[in-house]
Amino acid sequence: MPARSTASRAHAAAGVLAFLIISMFLIASAAAELSGDEALIAAVKRAIAWALLLLIPALIATGASGFAMVGGRPAGLAGAKLRRMRFIAGNGVLILVPTALYLAWKARQGAIDSNFLAVQAIEFLAGATNLFLMGLNIRDGLAMTKRRRTASAARAR
């Protein structure tokens, strides 16, 4: 198997894993909030805080492998993916990780109050934004893969 193909597969796997983890965070948080069960909310927030130990390496692997595949100054779809990934990373580091840890701490204290709910709303918005941008990156990655396959098939003829 060519190295580019292996790198591409690793990139896709890490990106999809990160996308699924963030999706699970949002779904579990919404379900716990809708249940109104404070013990469930606390358990979900604690699980999310621990799951960051899986999410963060998946995001780093996605970004690093993508950058390694396209090199210094990517253009076109690769450039768009890189610009989105920078926003996704900033959103994660500056908003999502701190809010996840804060919400886990507040939930552990049993303080599901208006502060908790306000931060939860920020987390939902930032998480949904990242999912949307990651979805665009997945779409563009699939388009790039299709183009490479088409070009490769044309050269083989």
C-alpha atoms as a PDB file:
ATOM      1  CA  MET A   1       0.000   0.000   0.000  1.00  0.00           C
ATOM      2  CA  PRO A   2       1.524   3.394  -0.956  1.00  0.00           C
ATOM      3  CA  ALA A   3       2.499   5.752   1.894  1.00  0.00           C
ATOM      4  CA  ARG A   4       0.101   8.469   0.715  1.00  0.00           C
ATOM      5  CA  SER A   5      -2.773   6.030   0.849  1.00  0.00           C
ATOM      6  CA  THR A   6      -1.840   4.987   4.385  1.00  0.00           C
ATOM      7  CA  ALA A   7      -1.531   8.611   5.503  1.00  0.00           C
ATOM      8  CA  SER A   8      -4.847   9.428   3.863  1.00  0.00           C
ATOM      9  CA  ARG A   9      -6.572   6.542   5.605  1.00  0.00           C
ATOM     10  CA  ALA A  10      -5.058   7.479   8.981  1.00  0.00           C
ATOM     11  CA  HIS A  11      -6.157  11.087   8.451  1.00  0.00           C
ATOM     12  CA  ALA A  12      -9.703  10.040   7.571  1.00  0.00           C
ATOM     13  CA  ALA A  13      -9.949   7.614  10.500  1.00  0.00           C
ATOM     14  CA  ALA A  14      -8.736  10.196  13.021  1.00  0.00           C
ATOM     15  CA  GLY A  15     -11.070  12.852  11.597  1.00  0.00           C
ATOM     16  CA  VAL A  16     -14.134  10.612  11.632  1.00  0.00           C
ATOM     17  CA  LEU A  17     -13.285   9.447  15.176  1.00  0.00           C
ATOM     18  CA  ALA A  18     -13.074  13.063  16.359  1.00  0.00           C
ATOM     19  CA  PHE A  19     -16.345  13.904  14.590  1.00  0.00           C
ATOM     20  CA  LEU A  20     -18.116  10.947  16.216  1.00  0.00           C
ATOM     21  CA  ILE A  21     -16.766  11.753  19.684  1.00  0.00           C
ATOM     22  CA  ILE A  22     -17.949  15.364  19.484  1.00  0.00           C
ATOM     23  CA  SER A  23     -21.323  14.158  18.179  1.00  0.00           C
ATOM     24  CA  MET A  24     -21.619  11.784  21.129  1.00  0.00           C
ATOM     25  CA  PHE A  25     -20.728  14.616  23.534  1.00  0.00           C
ATOM     26  CA  LEU A  26     -23.541  16.772  22.182  1.00  0.00           C
ATOM     27  CA  ILE A  27     -26.111  13.977  22.037  1.00  0.00           C
ATOM     28  CA  ALA A  28     -25.310  12.703  25.530  1.00  0.00           C
ATOM     29  CA  SER A  29     -25.351  16.232  26.966  1.00  0.00           C
ATOM     30  CA  ALA A  30     -28.682  17.062  25.348  1.00  0.00           C
ATOM     31  CA  ALA A  31     -30.246  13.782  26.491  1.00  0.00           C
ATOM     32  CA  ALA A  32     -28.996  14.271  30.054  1.00  0.00           C
ATOM     33  CA  GLU A  33     -30.257  17.858  30.145  1.00  0.00           C
ATOM     34  CA  LEU A  34     -33.649  16.845  28.781  1.00  0.00           C
ATOM     35  CA  SER A  35     -33.932  14.098  31.412  1.00  0.00           C
ATOM     36  CA  GLY A  36     -33.454  16.652  34.181  1.00  0.00           C
ATOM     37  CA  ASP A  37     -31.625  13.994  36.233  1.00  0.00           C
ATOM     38  CA  GLU A  38     -28.746  15.818  37.942  1.00  0.00           C
ATOM     39  CA  ALA A  39     -26.900  12.564  38.646  1.00  0.00           C
ATOM     40  CA  LEU A  40     -27.043  11.681  34.939  1.00  0.00           C
ATOM     41  CA  ILE A  41     -25.937  15.184  33.961  1.00  0.00           C
ATOM     42  CA  ALA A  42     -22.967  14.900  36.344  1.00  0.00           C
ATOM     43  CA  ALA A  43     -22.072  11.432  35.001  1.00  0.00           C
ATOM     44  CA  VAL A  44     -22.201  12.654  31.387  1.00  0.00           C
ATOM     45  CA  LYS A  45     -20.084  15.712  32.150  1.00  0.00           C
ATOM     46  CA  ARG A  46     -17.532  13.571  34.001  1.00  0.00           C
ATOM     47  CA  ALA A  47     -17.399  11.112  31.079  1.00  0.00           C
ATOM     48  CA  ILE A  48     -16.913  13.961  28.613  1.00  0.00           C
ATOM     49  CA  ALA A  49     -14.024  15.371  30.645  1.00  0.00           C
ATOM     50  CA  TRP A  50     -12.305  11.963  30.617  1.00  0.00           C
ATOM     51  CA  ALA A  51     -13.086  11.394  26.932  1.00  0.00           C
ATOM     52  CA  LEU A  52     -11.090  14.520  26.093  1.00  0.00           C
ATOM     53  CA  LEU A  53      -8.085  12.240  26.593  1.00  0.00           C
ATOM     54  CA  LEU A  54      -9.216  10.414  23.432  1.00  0.00           C
ATOM     55  CA  LEU A  55     -10.595  13.394  21.505  1.00  0.00           C
ATOM     56  CA  ILE A  56      -7.574  15.665  21.759  1.00  0.00           C
ATOM     57  CA  PRO A  57      -5.103  13.119  20.313  1.00  0.00           C
ATOM     58  CA  ALA A  58      -7.609  12.316  17.531  1.00  0.00           C
ATOM     59  CA  LEU A  59      -7.817  15.999  16.612  1.00  0.00           C
ATOM     60  CA  ILE A  60      -4.036  16.395  16.772  1.00  0.00           C
ATOM     61  CA  ALA A  61      -3.582  13.321  14.562  1.00  0.00           C
ATOM     62  CA  THR A  62      -6.134  14.679  12.093  1.00  0.00           C
ATOM     63  CA  GLY A  63      -4.449  18.058  11.862  1.00  0.00           C
ATOM     64  CA  ALA A  64      -0.895  16.722  11.768  1.00  0.00           C
ATOM     65  CA  SER A  65      -1.613  14.076   9.148  1.00  0.00           C
ATOM     66  CA  GLY A  66      -3.549  16.521   6.991  1.00  0.00           C
ATOM     67  CA  PHE A  67      -0.778  19.089   7.153  1.00  0.00           C
ATOM     68  CA  ALA A  68       1.844  16.428   6.395  1.00  0.00           C
ATOM     69  CA  MET A  69      -0.062  15.305   3.302  1.00  0.00           C
ATOM     70  CA  VAL A  70      -0.487  18.776   1.780  1.00  0.00           C
ATOM     71  CA  GLY A  71       2.724  20.459   2.885  1.00  0.00           C
ATOM     72  CA  GLY A  72       3.527  24.114   3.461  1.00  0.00           C
ATOM     73  CA  ARG A  73       0.980  26.328   1.719  1.00  0.00           C
ATOM     74  CA  PRO A  74      -2.015  24.327   0.571  1.00  0.00           C
ATOM     75  CA  ALA A  75      -4.436  25.849  -1.905  1.00  0.00           C
ATOM     76  CA  GLY A  76      -7.922  24.984  -3.093  1.00  0.00           C
ATOM     77  CA  LEU A  77      -9.872  22.485  -1.011  1.00  0.00           C
ATOM     78  CA  ALA A  78      -6.814  21.611   1.080  1.00  0.00           C
ATOM     79  CA  GLY A  79      -6.342  25.297   1.899  1.00  0.00           C
ATOM     80  CA  ALA A  80      -9.989  25.644   2.877  1.00  0.00           C
ATOM     81  CA  LYS A  81      -9.711  22.555   5.080  1.00  0.00           C
ATOM     82  CA  LEU A  82      -6.630  24.000   6.794  1.00  0.00           C
ATOM     83  CA  ARG A  83      -8.333  27.349   7.466  1.00  0.00           C
ATOM     84  CA  ARG A  84     -11.339  25.564   8.962  1.00  0.00           C
ATOM     85  CA  MET A  85      -9.090  23.273  11.007  1.00  0.00           C
ATOM     86  CA  ARG A  86      -7.349  26.288  12.535  1.00  0.00           C
ATOM     87  CA  PHE A  87     -10.729  27.655  13.617  1.00  0.00           C
ATOM     88  CA  ILE A  88     -11.802  24.232  14.914  1.00  0.00           C
ATOM     89  CA  ALA A  89      -8.592  23.945  16.955  1.00  0.00           C
ATOM     90  CA  GLY A  90      -8.934  27.445  18.396  1.00  0.00           C
ATOM     91  CA  ASN A  91     -12.576  26.860  19.236  1.00  0.00           C
ATOM     92  CA  GLY A  92     -11.650  23.604  20.943  1.00  0.00           C
ATOM     93  CA  VAL A  93      -8.708  24.928  22.936  1.00  0.00           C
ATOM     94  CA  LEU A  94     -10.218  28.275  23.902  1.00  0.00           C
ATOM     95  CA  ILE A  95     -13.883  27.321  24.384  1.00  0.00           C
ATOM     96  CA  LEU A  96     -14.714  23.606  24.311  1.00  0.00           C
ATOM     97  CA  VAL A  97     -12.026  22.146  26.577  1.00  0.00           C
ATOM     98  CA  PRO A  98     -12.411  24.832  29.275  1.00  0.00           C
ATOM     99  CA  THR A  99     -16.219  24.611  29.197  1.00  0.00           C
ATOM    100  CA  ALA A 100     -16.143  20.804  29.373  1.00  0.00           C
ATOM    101  CA  LEU A 101     -13.862  20.893  32.410  1.00  0.00           C
ATOM    102  CA  TYR A 102     -15.865  23.686  34.060  1.00  0.00           C
ATOM    103  CA  LEU A 103     -19.160  21.871  33.498  1.00  0.00           C
ATOM    104  CA  ALA A 104     -17.719  18.612  34.879  1.00  0.00           C
ATOM    105  CA  TRP A 105     -16.531  20.489  37.970  1.00  0.00           C
ATOM    106  CA  LYS A 106     -19.880  22.283  38.445  1.00  0.00           C
ATOM    107  CA  ALA A 107     -21.833  19.053  37.954  1.00  0.00           C
ATOM    108  CA  ARG A 108     -19.623  17.231  40.462  1.00  0.00           C
ATOM    109  CA  GLN A 109     -20.449  19.985  42.965  1.00  0.00           C
ATOM    110  CA  GLY A 110     -24.155  19.488  42.230  1.00  0.00           C
ATOM    111  CA  ALA A 111     -24.359  23.077  40.996  1.00  0.00           C
ATOM    112  CA  ILE A 112     -26.654  22.723  37.992  1.00  0.00           C
ATOM    113  CA  ASP A 113     -27.591  26.395  38.146  1.00  0.00           C
ATOM    114  CA  SER A 114     -28.029  29.303  35.740  1.00  0.00           C
ATOM    115  CA  ASN A 115     -24.226  29.627  35.336  1.00  0.00           C
ATOM    116  CA  PHE A 116     -24.026  25.944  34.414  1.00  0.00           C
ATOM    117  CA  LEU A 117     -26.836  26.335  31.881  1.00  0.00           C
ATOM    118  CA  ALA A 118     -25.279  29.452  30.321  1.00  0.00           C
ATOM    119  CA  VAL A 119     -21.917  27.727  29.895  1.00  0.00           C
ATOM    120  CA  GLN A 120     -23.729  24.628  28.602  1.00  0.00           C
ATOM    121  CA  ALA A 121     -25.392  26.788  25.927  1.00  0.00           C
ATOM    122  CA  ILE A 122     -21.986  28.164  24.889  1.00  0.00           C
ATOM    123  CA  GLU A 123     -20.632  24.615  24.746  1.00  0.00           C
ATOM    124  CA  PHE A 124     -23.540  23.463  22.560  1.00  0.00           C
ATOM    125  CA  LEU A 125     -23.036  26.359  20.152  1.00  0.00           C
ATOM    126  CA  ALA A 126     -19.247  25.901  19.934  1.00  0.00           C
ATOM    127  CA  GLY A 127     -19.607  22.115  19.585  1.00  0.00           C
ATOM    128  CA  ALA A 128     -22.223  22.420  16.852  1.00  0.00           C
ATOM    129  CA  THR A 129     -20.004  24.932  15.044  1.00  0.00           C
ATOM    130  CA  ASN A 130     -17.068  22.516  15.164  1.00  0.00           C
ATOM    131  CA  LEU A 131     -19.233  19.646  13.928  1.00  0.00           C
ATOM    132  CA  PHE A 132     -20.447  21.749  11.012  1.00  0.00           C
ATOM    133  CA  LEU A 133     -16.907  22.775  10.059  1.00  0.00           C
ATOM    134  CA  MET A 134     -15.612  19.221  10.473  1.00  0.00           C
ATOM    135  CA  GLY A 135     -18.458  18.022   8.263  1.00  0.00           C
ATOM    136  CA  LEU A 136     -17.332  20.475   5.582  1.00  0.00           C
ATOM    137  CA  ASN A 137     -13.780  19.158   5.932  1.00  0.00           C
ATOM    138  CA  ILE A 138     -14.988  15.574   5.565  1.00  0.00           C
ATOM    139  CA  ARG A 139     -16.965  16.557   2.464  1.00  0.00           C
ATOM    140  CA  ASP A 140     -13.938  18.296   0.949  1.00  0.00           C
ATOM    141  CA  GLY A 141     -11.654  15.401   1.860  1.00  0.00           C
ATOM    142  CA  LEU A 142     -13.960  12.997   0.046  1.00  0.00           C
ATOM    143  CA  ALA A 143     -13.973  15.295  -2.986  1.00  0.00           C
ATOM    144  CA  MET A 144     -10.165  15.438  -2.958  1.00  0.00           C
ATOM    145  CA  THR A 145      -9.965  11.638  -2.722  1.00  0.00           C
ATOM    146  CA  LYS A 146     -12.404  11.272  -5.620  1.00  0.00           C
ATOM    147  CA  ARG A 147     -10.329  13.640  -7.750  1.00  0.00           C
ATOM    148  CA  ARG A 148      -7.128  11.711  -6.980  1.00  0.00           C
ATOM    149  CA  ARG A 149      -8.795   8.417  -7.898  1.00  0.00           C
ATOM    150  CA  THR A 150     -10.196   9.859 -11.122  1.00  0.00           C
ATOM    151  CA  ALA A 151      -6.819  11.335 -12.098  1.00  0.00           C
ATOM    152  CA  SER A 152      -5.049   8.089 -11.217  1.00  0.00           C
ATOM    153  CA  ALA A 153      -7.501   6.040 -13.313  1.00  0.00           C
ATOM    154  CA  ALA A 154      -7.075   8.428 -16.253  1.00  0.00           C
ATOM    155  CA  ARG A 155      -3.275   8.091 -16.087  1.00  0.00           C
ATOM    156  CA  ALA A 156      -3.550   4.297 -15.966  1.00  0.00           C
ATOM    157  CA  ARG A 157      -5.364   4.208 -19.320  1.00  0.00           C
END
